[in-house]
Amino acid sequence: MRYPDGGGLTTEGRARREAVRLQAAELFAQDVPVPEIAKRLRLSHNAVYVRRRRSRSDSEAGLASKGLSGTGCRLSPQQLDQLAAALQEGPAQHSYVEDQRWALARVADLIARLFPVRYTLRGVSLLLHHTEFSPQIPAHRQATVNSARSANVS
């Protein structure tokens, strides 16, 4: 899983990963067989083949990290600030008076109303975590689910 803080690795972890890339480049230059490289660097054979192919086409630069995978945020920094301000105003300011919580579906609806962008619920969750907000589940939904379970058990 990828994380916004560099793939879920610490600075030391990223440095170790970069060192493995450089070692692989040296071993490729020495024509060491793929199984031996995989054993020495504790990589899969497939990973070594991919890295060797990249190093042949782009030399050592082909082994450099490409950064985080995935697409970037579809909202500009200004739009993120605007969304944060709207979330701070609260659900009542945006016609959600029955419950004062921001559920994922509500935030997705708010984003669609404010900007020409649609997000899935999972995308909204990632966006909220990225902007240091957390989604909340309305309490009455949980209570309904639990009471239905207890009714079936007895």
N, C-alpha and C. Protein backbone atom coordinates (compact mmCIF):
# COMPACT_ATOMS: atom_id res chain seq x y z
N MET A 1 0.84 -1.17 0.00
CA MET A 1 0.00 0.00 0.00
C MET A 1 0.89 1.24 0.00
N ARG A 2 0.47 2.25 -0.72
CA ARG A 2 1.23 3.49 -0.81
C ARG A 2 0.69 4.52 0.17
N TYR A 3 1.58 5.28 0.74
CA TYR A 3 1.22 6.31 1.69
C TYR A 3 1.81 7.64 1.25
N PRO A 4 1.20 8.75 1.64
CA PRO A 4 1.73 10.04 1.22
C PRO A 4 3.08 10.37 1.84
N ASP A 5 3.52 9.60 2.83
CA ASP A 5 4.79 9.92 3.48
C ASP A 5 5.95 9.13 2.88
N GLY A 6 5.88 8.73 1.62
CA GLY A 6 7.02 8.08 0.98
C GLY A 6 6.92 6.57 0.90
N GLY A 7 5.75 6.05 0.66
CA GLY A 7 5.61 4.61 0.49
C GLY A 7 5.53 3.85 1.80
N GLY A 8 5.29 4.52 2.88
CA GLY A 8 5.19 3.86 4.17
C GLY A 8 6.53 3.54 4.79
N LEU A 9 7.62 4.00 4.18
CA LEU A 9 8.95 3.74 4.69
C LEU A 9 9.49 4.95 5.43
N THR A 10 10.35 4.67 6.37
CA THR A 10 11.06 5.75 7.04
C THR A 10 12.17 6.25 6.13
N THR A 11 12.84 7.29 6.53
CA THR A 11 13.97 7.81 5.75
C THR A 11 15.05 6.75 5.62
N GLU A 12 15.30 6.01 6.69
CA GLU A 12 16.30 4.93 6.65
C GLU A 12 15.87 3.83 5.69
N GLY A 13 14.58 3.50 5.69
CA GLY A 13 14.07 2.46 4.79
C GLY A 13 14.23 2.85 3.33
N ARG A 14 13.94 4.11 3.02
CA ARG A 14 14.12 4.58 1.64
C ARG A 14 15.60 4.57 1.25
N ALA A 15 16.48 4.91 2.20
CA ALA A 15 17.92 4.89 1.93
C ALA A 15 18.40 3.46 1.67
N ARG A 16 17.89 2.49 2.44
CA ARG A 16 18.26 1.08 2.21
C ARG A 16 17.79 0.62 0.84
N ARG A 17 16.58 1.02 0.46
CA ARG A 17 16.05 0.62 -0.84
C ARG A 17 16.89 1.21 -1.97
N GLU A 18 17.33 2.45 -1.79
CA GLU A 18 18.19 3.08 -2.80
C GLU A 18 19.54 2.38 -2.87
N ALA A 19 20.07 1.95 -1.72
CA ALA A 19 21.35 1.22 -1.71
C ALA A 19 21.22 -0.09 -2.48
N VAL A 20 20.09 -0.76 -2.35
CA VAL A 20 19.87 -2.02 -3.10
C VAL A 20 19.86 -1.73 -4.60
N ARG A 21 19.27 -0.63 -5.00
CA ARG A 21 19.27 -0.26 -6.42
C ARG A 21 20.68 -0.06 -6.94
N LEU A 22 21.51 0.62 -6.16
CA LEU A 22 22.89 0.86 -6.58
C LEU A 22 23.70 -0.44 -6.61
N GLN A 23 23.48 -1.32 -5.65
CA GLN A 23 24.15 -2.62 -5.66
C GLN A 23 23.73 -3.42 -6.89
N ALA A 24 22.47 -3.36 -7.22
CA ALA A 24 21.99 -4.07 -8.41
C ALA A 24 22.69 -3.55 -9.66
N ALA A 25 22.86 -2.23 -9.76
CA ALA A 25 23.54 -1.65 -10.92
C ALA A 25 24.97 -2.17 -11.02
N GLU A 26 25.68 -2.25 -9.89
CA GLU A 26 27.05 -2.77 -9.89
C GLU A 26 27.09 -4.22 -10.33
N LEU A 27 26.16 -5.02 -9.83
CA LEU A 27 26.14 -6.45 -10.19
C LEU A 27 25.77 -6.65 -11.65
N PHE A 28 24.89 -5.81 -12.19
CA PHE A 28 24.56 -5.90 -13.61
C PHE A 28 25.80 -5.60 -14.46
N ALA A 29 26.57 -4.61 -14.03
CA ALA A 29 27.79 -4.25 -14.77
C ALA A 29 28.81 -5.37 -14.75
N GLN A 30 28.81 -6.18 -13.71
CA GLN A 30 29.75 -7.31 -13.59
C GLN A 30 29.21 -8.58 -14.25
N ASP A 31 28.05 -8.51 -14.89
CA ASP A 31 27.40 -9.66 -15.54
C ASP A 31 27.16 -10.84 -14.59
N VAL A 32 26.77 -10.53 -13.37
CA VAL A 32 26.43 -11.58 -12.40
C VAL A 32 25.08 -12.15 -12.81
N PRO A 33 24.92 -13.49 -12.78
CA PRO A 33 23.65 -14.10 -13.18
C PRO A 33 22.47 -13.64 -12.30
N VAL A 34 21.30 -13.60 -12.91
CA VAL A 34 20.09 -13.14 -12.23
C VAL A 34 19.81 -13.91 -10.93
N PRO A 35 19.88 -15.24 -10.92
CA PRO A 35 19.61 -15.95 -9.66
C PRO A 35 20.57 -15.56 -8.53
N GLU A 36 21.81 -15.29 -8.88
CA GLU A 36 22.79 -14.89 -7.87
C GLU A 36 22.47 -13.49 -7.32
N ILE A 37 22.09 -12.58 -8.21
CA ILE A 37 21.72 -11.23 -7.78
C ILE A 37 20.49 -11.30 -6.88
N ALA A 38 19.52 -12.09 -7.27
CA ALA A 38 18.30 -12.22 -6.48
C ALA A 38 18.62 -12.75 -5.09
N LYS A 39 19.51 -13.71 -5.02
CA LYS A 39 19.89 -14.29 -3.73
C LYS A 39 20.64 -13.27 -2.87
N ARG A 40 21.60 -12.57 -3.47
CA ARG A 40 22.41 -11.60 -2.71
C ARG A 40 21.58 -10.43 -2.19
N LEU A 41 20.67 -9.93 -3.04
CA LEU A 41 19.91 -8.74 -2.68
C LEU A 41 18.55 -9.05 -2.06
N ARG A 42 18.23 -10.35 -1.96
CA ARG A 42 16.96 -10.80 -1.40
C ARG A 42 15.79 -10.21 -2.17
N LEU A 43 15.83 -10.38 -3.49
CA LEU A 43 14.78 -9.93 -4.39
C LEU A 43 14.23 -11.12 -5.14
N SER A 44 13.05 -10.96 -5.72
CA SER A 44 12.52 -12.02 -6.57
C SER A 44 13.26 -11.99 -7.91
N HIS A 45 13.26 -13.13 -8.60
CA HIS A 45 13.90 -13.17 -9.92
C HIS A 45 13.25 -12.17 -10.86
N ASN A 46 11.92 -12.07 -10.80
CA ASN A 46 11.21 -11.15 -11.67
C ASN A 46 11.65 -9.71 -11.42
N ALA A 47 11.81 -9.33 -10.16
CA ALA A 47 12.25 -7.97 -9.84
C ALA A 47 13.63 -7.70 -10.42
N VAL A 48 14.50 -8.69 -10.36
CA VAL A 48 15.86 -8.52 -10.90
C VAL A 48 15.81 -8.37 -12.42
N TYR A 49 14.98 -9.19 -13.08
CA TYR A 49 14.86 -9.08 -14.54
C TYR A 49 14.35 -7.69 -14.94
N VAL A 50 13.35 -7.19 -14.21
CA VAL A 50 12.80 -5.87 -14.51
C VAL A 50 13.87 -4.80 -14.32
N ARG A 51 14.59 -4.88 -13.22
CA ARG A 51 15.64 -3.88 -12.95
C ARG A 51 16.76 -3.97 -13.98
N ARG A 52 17.11 -5.19 -14.39
CA ARG A 52 18.18 -5.34 -15.39
C ARG A 52 17.74 -4.73 -16.72
N ARG A 53 16.48 -4.97 -17.09
CA ARG A 53 15.97 -4.40 -18.34
C ARG A 53 15.99 -2.87 -18.28
N ARG A 54 15.60 -2.30 -17.15
CA ARG A 54 15.62 -0.85 -16.99
C ARG A 54 17.05 -0.30 -17.02
N SER A 55 17.96 -1.02 -16.39
CA SER A 55 19.34 -0.52 -16.37
C SER A 55 19.98 -0.59 -17.75
N ARG A 56 19.59 -1.57 -18.55
CA ARG A 56 20.13 -1.66 -19.90
C ARG A 56 19.61 -0.53 -20.79
N SER A 57 18.36 -0.15 -20.60
CA SER A 57 17.79 0.89 -21.45
C SER A 57 18.16 2.30 -20.99
N ASP A 58 18.26 2.51 -19.67
CA ASP A 58 18.50 3.85 -19.15
C ASP A 58 19.71 3.94 -18.24
N SER A 59 20.59 2.96 -18.26
CA SER A 59 21.75 2.85 -17.37
C SER A 59 21.31 2.94 -15.92
N GLU A 60 22.09 3.56 -15.06
CA GLU A 60 21.78 3.61 -13.64
C GLU A 60 20.55 4.48 -13.36
N ALA A 61 20.28 5.43 -14.22
CA ALA A 61 19.10 6.30 -14.05
C ALA A 61 17.81 5.49 -14.14
N GLY A 62 17.82 4.37 -14.88
CA GLY A 62 16.65 3.54 -15.00
C GLY A 62 16.28 2.83 -13.71
N LEU A 63 17.25 2.75 -12.78
CA LEU A 63 16.99 2.10 -11.50
C LEU A 63 16.54 3.07 -10.42
N ALA A 64 16.60 4.35 -10.70
CA ALA A 64 16.21 5.35 -9.71
C ALA A 64 14.72 5.24 -9.40
N SER A 65 14.36 5.61 -8.21
CA SER A 65 12.96 5.59 -7.80
C SER A 65 12.14 6.54 -8.65
N LYS A 66 10.97 6.10 -9.03
CA LYS A 66 10.07 6.94 -9.83
C LYS A 66 9.15 7.77 -8.93
N GLY A 67 9.29 7.61 -7.62
CA GLY A 67 8.43 8.34 -6.69
C GLY A 67 7.17 7.55 -6.40
N LEU A 68 6.23 8.20 -5.77
CA LEU A 68 4.98 7.55 -5.40
C LEU A 68 4.15 7.22 -6.63
N SER A 69 3.47 6.10 -6.57
CA SER A 69 2.62 5.71 -7.68
C SER A 69 1.25 6.34 -7.53
N GLY A 70 0.45 6.19 -8.54
CA GLY A 70 -0.91 6.71 -8.48
C GLY A 70 -1.01 8.11 -9.05
N THR A 71 -2.23 8.56 -9.14
CA THR A 71 -2.46 9.90 -9.67
C THR A 71 -2.41 10.91 -8.54
N GLY A 72 -2.18 12.13 -8.89
CA GLY A 72 -2.17 13.20 -7.90
C GLY A 72 -3.57 13.59 -7.51
N CYS A 73 -3.67 14.50 -6.59
CA CYS A 73 -4.97 14.98 -6.14
C CYS A 73 -5.63 15.77 -7.27
N ARG A 74 -6.92 15.55 -7.48
CA ARG A 74 -7.64 16.24 -8.55
C ARG A 74 -8.09 17.64 -8.14
N LEU A 75 -7.89 17.97 -6.88
CA LEU A 75 -8.23 19.30 -6.41
C LEU A 75 -6.95 20.12 -6.25
N SER A 76 -7.01 21.37 -6.64
CA SER A 76 -5.86 22.25 -6.50
C SER A 76 -5.68 22.60 -5.02
N PRO A 77 -4.53 23.13 -4.64
CA PRO A 77 -4.35 23.55 -3.24
C PRO A 77 -5.40 24.56 -2.79
N GLN A 78 -5.81 25.46 -3.69
CA GLN A 78 -6.84 26.43 -3.34
C GLN A 78 -8.18 25.73 -3.10
N GLN A 79 -8.48 24.74 -3.93
CA GLN A 79 -9.74 24.00 -3.76
C GLN A 79 -9.71 23.19 -2.47
N LEU A 80 -8.54 22.63 -2.12
CA LEU A 80 -8.43 21.90 -0.86
C LEU A 80 -8.68 22.83 0.33
N ASP A 81 -8.14 24.05 0.24
CA ASP A 81 -8.40 25.04 1.30
C ASP A 81 -9.88 25.39 1.37
N GLN A 82 -10.50 25.52 0.21
CA GLN A 82 -11.93 25.83 0.15
C GLN A 82 -12.75 24.69 0.73
N LEU A 83 -12.36 23.45 0.43
CA LEU A 83 -13.05 22.28 0.98
C LEU A 83 -12.88 22.23 2.49
N ALA A 84 -11.67 22.48 2.98
CA ALA A 84 -11.42 22.47 4.42
C ALA A 84 -12.28 23.52 5.12
N ALA A 85 -12.39 24.69 4.52
CA ALA A 85 -13.22 25.75 5.11
C ALA A 85 -14.69 25.32 5.14
N ALA A 86 -15.15 24.68 4.07
CA ALA A 86 -16.54 24.21 4.01
C ALA A 86 -16.79 23.13 5.06
N LEU A 87 -15.82 22.25 5.25
CA LEU A 87 -15.97 21.20 6.26
C LEU A 87 -15.97 21.80 7.67
N GLN A 88 -15.17 22.83 7.88
CA GLN A 88 -15.13 23.50 9.19
C GLN A 88 -16.46 24.19 9.50
N GLU A 89 -17.16 24.66 8.47
CA GLU A 89 -18.45 25.32 8.67
C GLU A 89 -19.47 24.37 9.29
N GLY A 90 -19.33 23.10 8.98
CA GLY A 90 -20.23 22.10 9.52
C GLY A 90 -21.31 21.69 8.53
N PRO A 91 -21.89 20.52 8.75
CA PRO A 91 -22.92 20.01 7.85
C PRO A 91 -24.18 20.88 7.77
N ALA A 92 -24.55 21.53 8.87
CA ALA A 92 -25.78 22.34 8.87
C ALA A 92 -25.69 23.48 7.87
N GLN A 93 -24.52 24.05 7.67
CA GLN A 93 -24.34 25.13 6.72
C GLN A 93 -24.51 24.67 5.28
N HIS A 94 -24.49 23.35 5.08
CA HIS A 94 -24.60 22.79 3.73
C HIS A 94 -25.83 21.90 3.60
N SER A 95 -26.87 22.24 4.31
CA SER A 95 -28.20 21.63 4.25
C SER A 95 -28.28 20.21 4.81
N TYR A 96 -27.38 19.83 5.68
CA TYR A 96 -27.47 18.54 6.37
C TYR A 96 -27.83 18.82 7.82
N VAL A 97 -29.12 19.01 8.09
CA VAL A 97 -29.55 19.40 9.42
C VAL A 97 -29.94 18.22 10.30
N GLU A 98 -30.23 17.07 9.71
CA GLU A 98 -30.70 15.93 10.50
C GLU A 98 -29.60 15.30 11.34
N ASP A 99 -28.34 15.44 10.94
CA ASP A 99 -27.25 14.85 11.70
C ASP A 99 -26.02 15.73 11.49
N GLN A 100 -25.32 16.05 12.53
CA GLN A 100 -24.20 16.98 12.46
C GLN A 100 -22.86 16.26 12.32
N ARG A 101 -22.79 15.35 11.37
CA ARG A 101 -21.53 14.64 11.11
C ARG A 101 -21.27 14.61 9.62
N TRP A 102 -19.98 14.64 9.30
CA TRP A 102 -19.58 14.53 7.90
C TRP A 102 -19.33 13.07 7.57
N ALA A 103 -20.25 12.41 6.94
CA ALA A 103 -20.06 11.05 6.46
C ALA A 103 -19.42 11.12 5.07
N LEU A 104 -18.81 10.04 4.63
CA LEU A 104 -18.13 10.03 3.33
C LEU A 104 -19.05 10.44 2.19
N ALA A 105 -20.27 9.92 2.19
CA ALA A 105 -21.21 10.24 1.12
C ALA A 105 -21.54 11.73 1.10
N ARG A 106 -21.65 12.31 2.27
CA ARG A 106 -21.94 13.74 2.34
C ARG A 106 -20.77 14.57 1.81
N VAL A 107 -19.56 14.18 2.19
CA VAL A 107 -18.38 14.92 1.71
C VAL A 107 -18.26 14.76 0.20
N ALA A 108 -18.52 13.56 -0.32
CA ALA A 108 -18.47 13.35 -1.78
C ALA A 108 -19.49 14.25 -2.47
N ASP A 109 -20.68 14.35 -1.89
CA ASP A 109 -21.72 15.23 -2.44
C ASP A 109 -21.29 16.69 -2.38
N LEU A 110 -20.69 17.08 -1.27
CA LEU A 110 -20.22 18.46 -1.12
C LEU A 110 -19.14 18.79 -2.16
N ILE A 111 -18.22 17.87 -2.37
CA ILE A 111 -17.17 18.08 -3.37
C ILE A 111 -17.79 18.24 -4.76
N ALA A 112 -18.76 17.38 -5.07
CA ALA A 112 -19.41 17.46 -6.38
C ALA A 112 -20.16 18.79 -6.56
N ARG A 113 -20.73 19.33 -5.46
CA ARG A 113 -21.43 20.61 -5.55
C ARG A 113 -20.47 21.80 -5.66
N LEU A 114 -19.33 21.70 -4.97
CA LEU A 114 -18.39 22.82 -4.97
C LEU A 114 -17.48 22.86 -6.20
N PHE A 115 -17.11 21.70 -6.69
CA PHE A 115 -16.10 21.62 -7.77
C PHE A 115 -16.60 20.69 -8.88
N PRO A 116 -16.07 20.82 -10.07
CA PRO A 116 -16.48 19.92 -11.16
C PRO A 116 -15.73 18.58 -11.10
N VAL A 117 -15.74 17.96 -9.93
CA VAL A 117 -14.98 16.72 -9.71
C VAL A 117 -15.86 15.76 -8.93
N ARG A 118 -15.79 14.48 -9.27
CA ARG A 118 -16.50 13.44 -8.51
C ARG A 118 -15.48 12.50 -7.91
N TYR A 119 -15.70 12.14 -6.66
CA TYR A 119 -14.84 11.19 -5.96
C TYR A 119 -15.66 9.99 -5.51
N THR A 120 -15.04 8.82 -5.50
CA THR A 120 -15.66 7.65 -4.90
C THR A 120 -15.56 7.80 -3.39
N LEU A 121 -16.27 6.95 -2.65
CA LEU A 121 -16.20 7.02 -1.20
C LEU A 121 -14.79 6.73 -0.71
N ARG A 122 -14.13 5.76 -1.35
CA ARG A 122 -12.74 5.45 -0.99
C ARG A 122 -11.84 6.65 -1.29
N GLY A 123 -12.06 7.30 -2.42
CA GLY A 123 -11.27 8.48 -2.77
C GLY A 123 -11.49 9.62 -1.80
N VAL A 124 -12.73 9.78 -1.34
CA VAL A 124 -13.04 10.81 -0.34
C VAL A 124 -12.31 10.49 0.96
N SER A 125 -12.32 9.22 1.35
CA SER A 125 -11.63 8.81 2.58
C SER A 125 -10.15 9.14 2.50
N LEU A 126 -9.51 8.81 1.39
CA LEU A 126 -8.09 9.11 1.21
C LEU A 126 -7.85 10.62 1.22
N LEU A 127 -8.73 11.35 0.57
CA LEU A 127 -8.60 12.81 0.53
C LEU A 127 -8.72 13.41 1.93
N LEU A 128 -9.68 12.92 2.71
CA LEU A 128 -9.86 13.44 4.06
C LEU A 128 -8.65 13.15 4.94
N HIS A 129 -8.12 11.94 4.82
CA HIS A 129 -6.93 11.61 5.61
C HIS A 129 -5.74 12.44 5.18
N HIS A 130 -5.64 12.71 3.89
CA HIS A 130 -4.55 13.54 3.36
C HIS A 130 -4.65 14.96 3.90
N THR A 131 -5.87 15.45 4.08
CA THR A 131 -6.07 16.82 4.57
C THR A 131 -6.26 16.85 6.08
N GLU A 132 -5.99 15.73 6.75
CA GLU A 132 -6.03 15.62 8.21
C GLU A 132 -7.43 15.74 8.81
N PHE A 133 -8.44 15.42 8.03
CA PHE A 133 -9.80 15.26 8.55
C PHE A 133 -10.05 13.77 8.66
N SER A 134 -11.04 13.38 9.43
CA SER A 134 -11.39 11.96 9.49
C SER A 134 -12.89 11.82 9.24
N PRO A 135 -13.27 10.82 8.44
CA PRO A 135 -14.70 10.61 8.20
C PRO A 135 -15.36 10.04 9.44
N GLN A 136 -16.64 10.32 9.62
CA GLN A 136 -17.37 9.82 10.77
C GLN A 136 -18.60 9.07 10.31
N ILE A 137 -18.92 8.03 11.04
CA ILE A 137 -20.11 7.24 10.74
C ILE A 137 -21.22 7.73 11.68
N PRO A 138 -22.37 8.09 11.14
CA PRO A 138 -23.47 8.53 12.03
C PRO A 138 -23.82 7.45 13.04
N ALA A 139 -24.01 7.83 14.29
CA ALA A 139 -24.25 6.88 15.37
C ALA A 139 -25.52 6.09 15.18
N HIS A 140 -26.58 6.71 14.61
CA HIS A 140 -27.84 5.99 14.48
C HIS A 140 -27.74 4.83 13.50
N ARG A 141 -26.86 4.88 12.54
CA ARG A 141 -26.68 3.74 11.64
C ARG A 141 -26.09 2.56 12.39
N GLN A 142 -25.07 2.82 13.21
CA GLN A 142 -24.45 1.76 13.98
C GLN A 142 -25.46 1.13 14.93
N ALA A 143 -26.27 1.96 15.60
CA ALA A 143 -27.24 1.44 16.56
C ALA A 143 -28.27 0.57 15.87
N THR A 144 -28.70 0.96 14.66
CA THR A 144 -29.67 0.17 13.90
C THR A 144 -29.09 -1.18 13.54
N VAL A 145 -27.85 -1.20 13.11
CA VAL A 145 -27.21 -2.46 12.73
C VAL A 145 -27.08 -3.36 13.94
N ASN A 146 -26.63 -2.81 15.06
CA ASN A 146 -26.44 -3.62 16.26
C ASN A 146 -27.77 -4.15 16.80
N SER A 147 -28.83 -3.34 16.80
CA SER A 147 -30.10 -3.81 17.32
C SER A 147 -30.70 -4.88 16.41
N ALA A 148 -30.46 -4.78 15.10
CA ALA A 148 -30.94 -5.83 14.20
C ALA A 148 -30.21 -7.14 14.45
N ARG A 149 -28.93 -7.03 14.74
CA ARG A 149 -28.17 -8.26 15.05
C ARG A 149 -28.66 -8.89 16.34
N SER A 150 -28.90 -8.07 17.36
CA SER A 150 -29.34 -8.64 18.65
C SER A 150 -30.74 -9.25 18.51
N ALA A 151 -31.60 -8.69 17.65
CA ALA A 151 -32.94 -9.25 17.44
C ALA A 151 -32.87 -10.62 16.79
N ASN A 152 -31.89 -10.80 15.87
CA ASN A 152 -31.74 -12.09 15.20
C ASN A 152 -31.12 -13.13 16.11
N VAL A 153 -30.31 -12.71 17.09
CA VAL A 153 -29.62 -13.64 17.96
C VAL A 153 -30.57 -14.26 18.96
N SER A 154 -31.51 -13.49 19.52
CA SER A 154 -32.38 -14.02 20.57
C SER A 154 -33.50 -14.85 20.06
